[in-house]
Amino acid sequence: MTILVVGSARVDAGKTTFTTGLLARIDGVGFKPRAGNDYWFDHDDYRRAVEAGRLYGKDAKRLAAASRGDWKPESLNPVHRLWRPSPGPDTGLVGTARREFVCDRVGDSFVVNANADVPESARANLSLADADRVTTVDELDAVTRSRHLPAFERLAEQIRETKRAVVESYGDIAVPTSDVEFDAVAVVEPGRMTAYRGDRFLRARSVASGSARDGRLEAHVSDVTDPIDPEAVVSLPALGGEERTAPERVDEAYAEAYDALLDLT
């Protein structure tokens, strides 16, 4: 059984909270192929990881803690991007205004934007000396083909071999990894979960027109869901902080949504 969890909004859709509760329900393993955080806006999370010589975000950490077995966040999240604010209208290397791509962790190594202002703490604590350095979109695309894509392919194989897997997307991207079949898809937004059959969702993704974002052509959730009907729509109650961080309590609160989703598998 493999389930995809996506969000209807770029940020704060509630995907990770929903995923951790679902992992508690099915005793599964959660994967997040791609993630990122911001040196400024996610500074506590950044410092916690980088001071240990690592780079990962709070979402991957929560998935690792909620998953069956003993996992490091990096094992479930092979590619993590570090951003930092960039004033001015320049869209930078990957086409995002007011936001500068600093570096990617790909597996256990790094790719650095040679034009970026790399924080001193990252230079001091991360293994950046031997990192690939890119200055143009073409160079980044070449490194993506040689480094990122093989990492995603290895993760896809790991997902396929996992009996009960939940894959969480990033932002509002419809499908975060290729070569994986999903039994069911949960689209999460504040206050609601919409469930789709995996085969219908993936067929709709195959014909959806993507749009350029961050240097990639991607289909967003609305591109996929607009032409297809859901199998179920279930309300999600608002949760307090203690509930959100306890997967078993999320499972209890979202039980109706999980029942509807798992009926599709």
C-alpha atoms as a PDB file:
ATOM      1  CA  MET A   1       0.000   0.000   0.000  1.00  0.00           C
ATOM      2  CA  THR A   2       1.387   3.379  -1.047  1.00  0.00           C
ATOM      3  CA  ILE A   3      -0.411   6.651  -0.333  1.00  0.00           C
ATOM      4  CA  LEU A   4       0.428  10.144  -1.569  1.00  0.00           C
ATOM      5  CA  VAL A   5      -0.271  13.220   0.571  1.00  0.00           C
ATOM      6  CA  VAL A   6      -0.262  16.577  -1.215  1.00  0.00           C
ATOM      7  CA  GLY A   7      -1.289  20.100  -0.276  1.00  0.00           C
ATOM      8  CA  SER A   8      -3.597  22.546  -1.986  1.00  0.00           C
ATOM      9  CA  ALA A   9      -1.468  25.525  -0.914  1.00  0.00           C
ATOM     10  CA  ARG A  10       2.257  26.225  -1.187  1.00  0.00           C
ATOM     11  CA  VAL A  11       2.713  26.464   2.571  1.00  0.00           C
ATOM     12  CA  ASP A  12       0.945  25.495   5.799  1.00  0.00           C
ATOM     13  CA  ALA A  13      -1.562  23.116   4.242  1.00  0.00           C
ATOM     14  CA  GLY A  14      -1.188  20.654   7.124  1.00  0.00           C
ATOM     15  CA  LYS A  15       0.414  17.868   5.088  1.00  0.00           C
ATOM     16  CA  THR A  16       2.950  16.758   7.674  1.00  0.00           C
ATOM     17  CA  THR A  17       0.467  16.665  10.552  1.00  0.00           C
ATOM     18  CA  PHE A  18      -1.910  14.635   8.384  1.00  0.00           C
ATOM     19  CA  THR A  19       0.917  12.308   7.317  1.00  0.00           C
ATOM     20  CA  THR A  20       2.153  11.613  10.844  1.00  0.00           C
ATOM     21  CA  GLY A  21      -1.333  10.648  11.962  1.00  0.00           C
ATOM     22  CA  LEU A  22      -1.742   8.400   8.935  1.00  0.00           C
ATOM     23  CA  LEU A  23       1.587   6.718   9.747  1.00  0.00           C
ATOM     24  CA  ALA A  24       0.298   6.005  13.243  1.00  0.00           C
ATOM     25  CA  ARG A  25      -2.871   4.528  11.768  1.00  0.00           C
ATOM     26  CA  ILE A  26      -1.155   2.139   9.307  1.00  0.00           C
ATOM     27  CA  ASP A  27       2.166   1.623  11.143  1.00  0.00           C
ATOM     28  CA  GLY A  28       3.944   2.813   8.016  1.00  0.00           C
ATOM     29  CA  VAL A  29       7.028   4.656   6.819  1.00  0.00           C
ATOM     30  CA  GLY A  30       6.847   8.251   5.611  1.00  0.00           C
ATOM     31  CA  PHE A  31       8.934   9.647   2.781  1.00  0.00           C
ATOM     32  CA  LYS A  32       9.487  13.225   1.637  1.00  0.00           C
ATOM     33  CA  PRO A  33      11.510  13.181  -1.585  1.00  0.00           C
ATOM     34  CA  ARG A  34      12.208  16.900  -1.607  1.00  0.00           C
ATOM     35  CA  ALA A  35      12.091  19.512   1.144  1.00  0.00           C
ATOM     36  CA  GLY A  36      13.626  22.829   2.075  1.00  0.00           C
ATOM     37  CA  ASN A  37      13.828  25.511   4.709  1.00  0.00           C
ATOM     38  CA  ASP A  38      14.863  29.119   5.017  1.00  0.00           C
ATOM     39  CA  TYR A  39      17.915  30.313   6.931  1.00  0.00           C
ATOM     40  CA  TRP A  40      15.931  33.292   8.230  1.00  0.00           C
ATOM     41  CA  PHE A  41      12.338  32.108   8.653  1.00  0.00           C
ATOM     42  CA  ASP A  42      13.204  28.580   9.851  1.00  0.00           C
ATOM     43  CA  HIS A  43      16.322  29.585  11.732  1.00  0.00           C
ATOM     44  CA  ASP A  44      15.783  27.421  14.841  1.00  0.00           C
ATOM     45  CA  ASP A  45      15.331  24.319  12.678  1.00  0.00           C
ATOM     46  CA  TYR A  46      18.335  25.281  10.575  1.00  0.00           C
ATOM     47  CA  ARG A  47      20.588  25.797  13.609  1.00  0.00           C
ATOM     48  CA  ARG A  48      19.487  22.573  15.277  1.00  0.00           C
ATOM     49  CA  ALA A  49      20.535  20.561  12.231  1.00  0.00           C
ATOM     50  CA  VAL A  50      23.598  22.472  11.073  1.00  0.00           C
ATOM     51  CA  GLU A  51      25.241  22.552  14.496  1.00  0.00           C
ATOM     52  CA  ALA A  52      25.270  18.755  14.279  1.00  0.00           C
ATOM     53  CA  GLY A  53      26.859  18.940  10.818  1.00  0.00           C
ATOM     54  CA  ARG A  54      23.574  18.053   9.097  1.00  0.00           C
ATOM     55  CA  LEU A  55      20.924  19.717   6.939  1.00  0.00           C
ATOM     56  CA  TYR A  56      17.279  18.687   7.185  1.00  0.00           C
ATOM     57  CA  GLY A  57      13.960  20.260   8.127  1.00  0.00           C
ATOM     58  CA  LYS A  58      11.333  19.782  10.784  1.00  0.00           C
ATOM     59  CA  ASP A  59       8.966  17.955   8.406  1.00  0.00           C
ATOM     60  CA  ALA A  60      11.477  15.189   7.685  1.00  0.00           C
ATOM     61  CA  LYS A  61      12.291  15.001  11.386  1.00  0.00           C
ATOM     62  CA  ARG A  62       8.612  14.522  12.249  1.00  0.00           C
ATOM     63  CA  LEU A  63       8.199  11.850   9.570  1.00  0.00           C
ATOM     64  CA  ALA A  64      11.243   9.954  10.859  1.00  0.00           C
ATOM     65  CA  ALA A  65       9.887  10.037  14.419  1.00  0.00           C
ATOM     66  CA  ALA A  66       6.431   8.860  13.320  1.00  0.00           C
ATOM     67  CA  SER A  67       7.630   6.081  11.005  1.00  0.00           C
ATOM     68  CA  ARG A  68       7.910   2.410  11.868  1.00  0.00           C
ATOM     69  CA  GLY A  69      11.542   1.530  12.549  1.00  0.00           C
ATOM     70  CA  ASP A  70      14.604   3.644  13.219  1.00  0.00           C
ATOM     71  CA  TRP A  71      15.145   6.336  10.569  1.00  0.00           C
ATOM     72  CA  LYS A  72      17.274   9.422  10.101  1.00  0.00           C
ATOM     73  CA  PRO A  73      15.470  12.359   8.460  1.00  0.00           C
ATOM     74  CA  GLU A  74      18.019  12.326   5.635  1.00  0.00           C
ATOM     75  CA  SER A  75      17.159   8.710   4.775  1.00  0.00           C
ATOM     76  CA  LEU A  76      13.533   9.654   4.140  1.00  0.00           C
ATOM     77  CA  ASN A  77      14.329  13.002   2.510  1.00  0.00           C
ATOM     78  CA  PRO A  78      17.216  12.659   0.014  1.00  0.00           C
ATOM     79  CA  VAL A  79      17.161  16.256  -1.280  1.00  0.00           C
ATOM     80  CA  HIS A  80      16.894  19.251   1.028  1.00  0.00           C
ATOM     81  CA  ARG A  81      17.323  22.842  -0.174  1.00  0.00           C
ATOM     82  CA  LEU A  82      18.479  25.741   1.986  1.00  0.00           C
ATOM     83  CA  TRP A  83      17.167  29.184   1.063  1.00  0.00           C
ATOM     84  CA  ARG A  84      17.738  32.643   2.441  1.00  0.00           C
ATOM     85  CA  PRO A  85      15.980  35.968   1.775  1.00  0.00           C
ATOM     86  CA  SER A  86      17.355  38.020  -1.088  1.00  0.00           C
ATOM     87  CA  PRO A  87      16.246  41.662  -1.301  1.00  0.00           C
ATOM     88  CA  GLY A  88      15.470  43.278  -4.616  1.00  0.00           C
ATOM     89  CA  PRO A  89      13.664  42.237  -7.799  1.00  0.00           C
ATOM     90  CA  ASP A  90      16.339  39.803  -9.024  1.00  0.00           C
ATOM     91  CA  THR A  91      14.877  36.287  -9.306  1.00  0.00           C
ATOM     92  CA  GLY A  92      18.261  34.616  -8.820  1.00  0.00           C
ATOM     93  CA  LEU A  93      19.548  31.283 -10.058  1.00  0.00           C
ATOM     94  CA  VAL A  94      16.314  29.306  -9.781  1.00  0.00           C
ATOM     95  CA  GLY A  95      13.797  32.001 -10.666  1.00  0.00           C
ATOM     96  CA  THR A  96      12.366  32.825  -7.241  1.00  0.00           C
ATOM     97  CA  ALA A  97      12.021  36.514  -6.421  1.00  0.00           C
ATOM     98  CA  ARG A  98      13.374  37.727  -3.059  1.00  0.00           C
ATOM     99  CA  ARG A  99      14.612  34.241  -2.232  1.00  0.00           C
ATOM    100  CA  GLU A 100      18.138  32.930  -2.806  1.00  0.00           C
ATOM    101  CA  PHE A 101      19.000  29.278  -3.290  1.00  0.00           C
ATOM    102  CA  VAL A 102      22.040  28.648  -1.067  1.00  0.00           C
ATOM    103  CA  CYS A 103      22.731  24.928  -1.300  1.00  0.00           C
ATOM    104  CA  ASP A 104      21.195  21.504  -1.727  1.00  0.00           C
ATOM    105  CA  ARG A 105      21.945  18.464   0.348  1.00  0.00           C
ATOM    106  CA  VAL A 106      21.767  15.499  -2.008  1.00  0.00           C
ATOM    107  CA  GLY A 107      22.136  12.337   0.038  1.00  0.00           C
ATOM    108  CA  ASP A 108      25.206  12.969   2.180  1.00  0.00           C
ATOM    109  CA  SER A 109      26.875  15.578  -0.045  1.00  0.00           C
ATOM    110  CA  PHE A 110      26.138  19.112  -1.196  1.00  0.00           C
ATOM    111  CA  VAL A 111      25.611  21.348  -4.212  1.00  0.00           C
ATOM    112  CA  VAL A 112      26.340  25.042  -3.582  1.00  0.00           C
ATOM    113  CA  ASN A 113      25.196  28.150  -5.414  1.00  0.00           C
ATOM    114  CA  ALA A 114      28.567  29.826  -5.961  1.00  0.00           C
ATOM    115  CA  ASN A 115      26.879  33.235  -6.223  1.00  0.00           C
ATOM    116  CA  ALA A 116      25.010  32.915  -2.924  1.00  0.00           C
ATOM    117  CA  ASP A 117      25.805  34.387   0.459  1.00  0.00           C
ATOM    118  CA  VAL A 118      26.462  31.116   2.285  1.00  0.00           C
ATOM    119  CA  PRO A 119      25.986  31.531   6.065  1.00  0.00           C
ATOM    120  CA  GLU A 120      29.180  31.225   8.091  1.00  0.00           C
ATOM    121  CA  SER A 121      27.579  28.514  10.234  1.00  0.00           C
ATOM    122  CA  ALA A 122      26.973  26.424   7.119  1.00  0.00           C
ATOM    123  CA  ARG A 123      30.555  26.897   5.935  1.00  0.00           C
ATOM    124  CA  ALA A 124      31.858  25.927   9.371  1.00  0.00           C
ATOM    125  CA  ASN A 125      29.651  22.900  10.028  1.00  0.00           C
ATOM    126  CA  LEU A 126      28.717  21.366   6.689  1.00  0.00           C
ATOM    127  CA  SER A 127      31.038  19.489   4.316  1.00  0.00           C
ATOM    128  CA  LEU A 128      30.993  22.138   1.609  1.00  0.00           C
ATOM    129  CA  ALA A 129      34.674  22.135   0.641  1.00  0.00           C
ATOM    130  CA  ASP A 130      34.220  19.360  -1.909  1.00  0.00           C
ATOM    131  CA  ALA A 131      30.710  20.348  -2.957  1.00  0.00           C
ATOM    132  CA  ASP A 132      29.721  20.867  -6.579  1.00  0.00           C
ATOM    133  CA  ARG A 133      29.415  24.589  -7.247  1.00  0.00           C
ATOM    134  CA  VAL A 134      27.028  26.026  -9.816  1.00  0.00           C
ATOM    135  CA  THR A 135      26.726  29.521 -11.228  1.00  0.00           C
ATOM    136  CA  THR A 136      24.146  29.103 -14.006  1.00  0.00           C
ATOM    137  CA  VAL A 137      20.837  27.337 -14.561  1.00  0.00           C
ATOM    138  CA  ASP A 138      22.522  25.078 -17.143  1.00  0.00           C
ATOM    139  CA  GLU A 139      25.113  24.000 -14.581  1.00  0.00           C
ATOM    140  CA  LEU A 140      22.392  23.352 -11.999  1.00  0.00           C
ATOM    141  CA  ASP A 141      20.411  21.322 -14.533  1.00  0.00           C
ATOM    142  CA  ALA A 142      23.490  19.218 -15.298  1.00  0.00           C
ATOM    143  CA  VAL A 143      24.122  18.545 -11.606  1.00  0.00           C
ATOM    144  CA  THR A 144      20.431  17.734 -11.143  1.00  0.00           C
ATOM    145  CA  ARG A 145      20.651  15.085 -13.851  1.00  0.00           C
ATOM    146  CA  SER A 146      23.824  13.566 -12.418  1.00  0.00           C
ATOM    147  CA  ARG A 147      23.108  13.883  -8.679  1.00  0.00           C
ATOM    148  CA  HIS A 148      19.485  14.662  -7.841  1.00  0.00           C
ATOM    149  CA  LEU A 149      17.740  12.323 -10.268  1.00  0.00           C
ATOM    150  CA  PRO A 150      19.691   9.202  -9.187  1.00  0.00           C
ATOM    151  CA  ALA A 151      18.870  10.064  -5.551  1.00  0.00           C
ATOM    152  CA  PHE A 152      15.161  10.269  -6.425  1.00  0.00           C
ATOM    153  CA  GLU A 153      15.384   6.980  -8.334  1.00  0.00           C
ATOM    154  CA  ARG A 154      16.931   5.236  -5.332  1.00  0.00           C
ATOM    155  CA  LEU A 155      14.200   6.615  -3.086  1.00  0.00           C
ATOM    156  CA  ALA A 156      11.488   5.489  -5.521  1.00  0.00           C
ATOM    157  CA  GLU A 157      12.868   1.960  -5.353  1.00  0.00           C
ATOM    158  CA  GLN A 158      12.858   2.134  -1.557  1.00  0.00           C
ATOM    159  CA  ILE A 159       9.235   3.342  -1.567  1.00  0.00           C
ATOM    160  CA  ARG A 160       8.175   0.520  -3.874  1.00  0.00           C
ATOM    161  CA  GLU A 161       9.813  -2.013  -1.538  1.00  0.00           C
ATOM    162  CA  THR A 162       8.058  -0.628   1.570  1.00  0.00           C
ATOM    163  CA  LYS A 163       4.831  -2.465   2.442  1.00  0.00           C
ATOM    164  CA  ARG A 164       3.042   0.524   3.943  1.00  0.00           C
ATOM    165  CA  ALA A 165       4.466   3.767   2.571  1.00  0.00           C
ATOM    166  CA  VAL A 166       3.214   7.341   2.734  1.00  0.00           C
ATOM    167  CA  VAL A 167       4.849   9.899   0.435  1.00  0.00           C
ATOM    168  CA  GLU A 168       4.488  13.571   1.328  1.00  0.00           C
ATOM    169  CA  SER A 169       4.908  16.159  -1.394  1.00  0.00           C
ATOM    170  CA  TYR A 170       6.306  19.690  -0.994  1.00  0.00           C
ATOM    171  CA  GLY A 171       4.455  22.961  -1.462  1.00  0.00           C
ATOM    172  CA  ASP A 172       1.521  22.400  -3.803  1.00  0.00           C
ATOM    173  CA  ILE A 173       3.368  20.073  -6.168  1.00  0.00           C
ATOM    174  CA  ALA A 174       1.103  17.270  -7.363  1.00  0.00           C
ATOM    175  CA  VAL A 175       3.594  14.403  -7.661  1.00  0.00           C
ATOM    176  CA  PRO A 176       7.008  14.667  -5.960  1.00  0.00           C
ATOM    177  CA  THR A 177       8.558  11.510  -7.406  1.00  0.00           C
ATOM    178  CA  SER A 178       8.245   9.496 -10.609  1.00  0.00           C
ATOM    179  CA  ASP A 179       8.030   5.729 -11.133  1.00  0.00           C
ATOM    180  CA  VAL A 180       5.843   5.166  -8.074  1.00  0.00           C
ATOM    181  CA  GLU A 181       2.228   3.983  -8.274  1.00  0.00           C
ATOM    182  CA  PHE A 182      -0.135   5.271  -5.585  1.00  0.00           C
ATOM    183  CA  ASP A 183      -3.200   3.453  -4.307  1.00  0.00           C
ATOM    184  CA  ALA A 184      -4.801   6.619  -2.959  1.00  0.00           C
ATOM    185  CA  VAL A 185      -4.101  10.339  -2.792  1.00  0.00           C
ATOM    186  CA  ALA A 186      -5.050  12.741  -0.003  1.00  0.00           C
ATOM    187  CA  VAL A 187      -5.229  16.439  -0.871  1.00  0.00           C
ATOM    188  CA  VAL A 188      -4.938  18.313   2.411  1.00  0.00           C
ATOM    189  CA  GLU A 189      -5.876  21.899   3.132  1.00  0.00           C
ATOM    190  CA  PRO A 190      -6.853  23.704   6.338  1.00  0.00           C
ATOM    191  CA  GLY A 191     -10.102  22.148   7.493  1.00  0.00           C
ATOM    192  CA  ARG A 192     -10.512  19.538   4.748  1.00  0.00           C
ATOM    193  CA  MET A 193      -9.151  16.359   3.179  1.00  0.00           C
ATOM    194  CA  THR A 194     -10.158  15.355  -0.351  1.00  0.00           C
ATOM    195  CA  ALA A 195      -9.445  11.765  -1.392  1.00  0.00           C
ATOM    196  CA  TYR A 196      -8.742  10.481  -4.913  1.00  0.00           C
ATOM    197  CA  ARG A 197      -7.977   7.104  -6.392  1.00  0.00           C
ATOM    198  CA  GLY A 198      -4.287   6.913  -7.148  1.00  0.00           C
ATOM    199  CA  ASP A 199      -4.618   5.686 -10.736  1.00  0.00           C
ATOM    200  CA  ARG A 200      -7.034   8.493 -11.673  1.00  0.00           C
ATOM    201  CA  PHE A 201      -4.852  11.116 -10.012  1.00  0.00           C
ATOM    202  CA  LEU A 202      -1.745   9.921 -11.854  1.00  0.00           C
ATOM    203  CA  ARG A 203      -3.584   9.808 -15.207  1.00  0.00           C
ATOM    204  CA  ALA A 204      -4.723  13.383 -14.644  1.00  0.00           C
ATOM    205  CA  ARG A 205      -1.145  14.323 -13.744  1.00  0.00           C
ATOM    206  CA  SER A 206       0.118  12.822 -17.012  1.00  0.00           C
ATOM    207  CA  VAL A 207      -2.021  15.215 -19.077  1.00  0.00           C
ATOM    208  CA  ALA A 208      -1.829  18.277 -16.798  1.00  0.00           C
ATOM    209  CA  SER A 209       0.041  21.292 -18.085  1.00  0.00           C
ATOM    210  CA  GLY A 210       2.776  22.225 -15.661  1.00  0.00           C
ATOM    211  CA  SER A 211       4.102  25.698 -14.973  1.00  0.00           C
ATOM    212  CA  ALA A 212       7.642  26.853 -14.424  1.00  0.00           C
ATOM    213  CA  ARG A 213       8.690  27.282 -10.809  1.00  0.00           C
ATOM    214  CA  ASP A 214      12.128  27.193  -9.215  1.00  0.00           C
ATOM    215  CA  GLY A 215      13.732  26.193 -12.515  1.00  0.00           C
ATOM    216  CA  ARG A 216      11.447  23.172 -13.127  1.00  0.00           C
ATOM    217  CA  LEU A 217       8.280  22.470 -15.095  1.00  0.00           C
ATOM    218  CA  GLU A 218       5.850  21.138 -12.510  1.00  0.00           C
ATOM    219  CA  ALA A 219       2.177  20.296 -12.263  1.00  0.00           C
ATOM    220  CA  HIS A 220       0.514  21.806  -9.225  1.00  0.00           C
ATOM    221  CA  VAL A 221      -2.284  20.131  -7.334  1.00  0.00           C
ATOM    222  CA  SER A 222      -4.995  22.307  -8.885  1.00  0.00           C
ATOM    223  CA  ASP A 223      -3.723  21.386 -12.373  1.00  0.00           C
ATOM    224  CA  VAL A 224      -4.501  17.759 -11.570  1.00  0.00           C
ATOM    225  CA  THR A 225      -7.635  17.924  -9.443  1.00  0.00           C
ATOM    226  CA  ASP A 226      -9.667  20.461 -11.443  1.00  0.00           C
ATOM    227  CA  PRO A 227     -10.718  17.959 -14.156  1.00  0.00           C
ATOM    228  CA  ILE A 228     -11.429  14.936 -11.885  1.00  0.00           C
ATOM    229  CA  ASP A 229     -14.000  14.211  -9.212  1.00  0.00           C
ATOM    230  CA  PRO A 230     -12.948  13.161  -5.716  1.00  0.00           C
ATOM    231  CA  GLU A 231     -14.018   9.939  -4.059  1.00  0.00           C
ATOM    232  CA  ALA A 232     -14.529  11.580  -0.667  1.00  0.00           C
ATOM    233  CA  VAL A 233     -14.383  14.962   1.027  1.00  0.00           C
ATOM    234  CA  VAL A 234     -13.987  14.958   4.808  1.00  0.00           C
ATOM    235  CA  SER A 235     -13.704  17.856   7.253  1.00  0.00           C
ATOM    236  CA  LEU A 236     -10.590  18.065   9.426  1.00  0.00           C
ATOM    237  CA  PRO A 237     -10.891  19.621  12.890  1.00  0.00           C
ATOM    238  CA  ALA A 238      -8.460  22.276  14.039  1.00  0.00           C
ATOM    239  CA  LEU A 239      -5.791  20.854  16.362  1.00  0.00           C
ATOM    240  CA  GLY A 240      -3.804  22.435  19.161  1.00  0.00           C
ATOM    241  CA  GLY A 241      -0.039  22.305  19.328  1.00  0.00           C
ATOM    242  CA  GLU A 242       0.144  19.292  21.622  1.00  0.00           C
ATOM    243  CA  GLU A 243      -2.270  17.349  19.430  1.00  0.00           C
ATOM    244  CA  ARG A 244      -0.407  18.178  16.214  1.00  0.00           C
ATOM    245  CA  THR A 245       2.858  16.799  17.594  1.00  0.00           C
ATOM    246  CA  ALA A 246       1.364  13.510  18.829  1.00  0.00           C
ATOM    247  CA  PRO A 247       0.647  11.187  15.857  1.00  0.00           C
ATOM    248  CA  GLU A 248      -1.699   8.959  17.875  1.00  0.00           C
ATOM    249  CA  ARG A 249      -3.834  11.967  18.816  1.00  0.00           C
ATOM    250  CA  VAL A 250      -3.876  13.141  15.196  1.00  0.00           C
ATOM    251  CA  ASP A 251      -5.039   9.647  14.235  1.00  0.00           C
ATOM    252  CA  GLU A 252      -7.925   9.932  16.676  1.00  0.00           C
ATOM    253  CA  ALA A 253      -8.907  13.412  15.514  1.00  0.00           C
ATOM    254  CA  TYR A 254      -8.683  12.598  11.783  1.00  0.00           C
ATOM    255  CA  ALA A 255     -10.117   9.074  12.024  1.00  0.00           C
ATOM    256  CA  GLU A 256     -13.008   9.752   9.621  1.00  0.00           C
ATOM    257  CA  ALA A 257     -10.639  11.105   6.969  1.00  0.00           C
ATOM    258  CA  TYR A 258      -8.247   8.178   7.313  1.00  0.00           C
ATOM    259  CA  ASP A 259     -11.129   5.690   7.065  1.00  0.00           C
ATOM    260  CA  ALA A 260     -12.312   7.295   3.825  1.00  0.00           C
ATOM    261  CA  LEU A 261      -8.800   7.365   2.380  1.00  0.00           C
ATOM    262  CA  LEU A 262      -7.957   3.785   3.308  1.00  0.00           C
ATOM    263  CA  ASP A 263     -11.234   2.567   1.780  1.00  0.00           C
ATOM    264  CA  LEU A 264      -9.625   3.387  -1.582  1.00  0.00           C
ATOM    265  CA  THR A 265      -6.605   1.126  -1.078  1.00  0.00           C
END
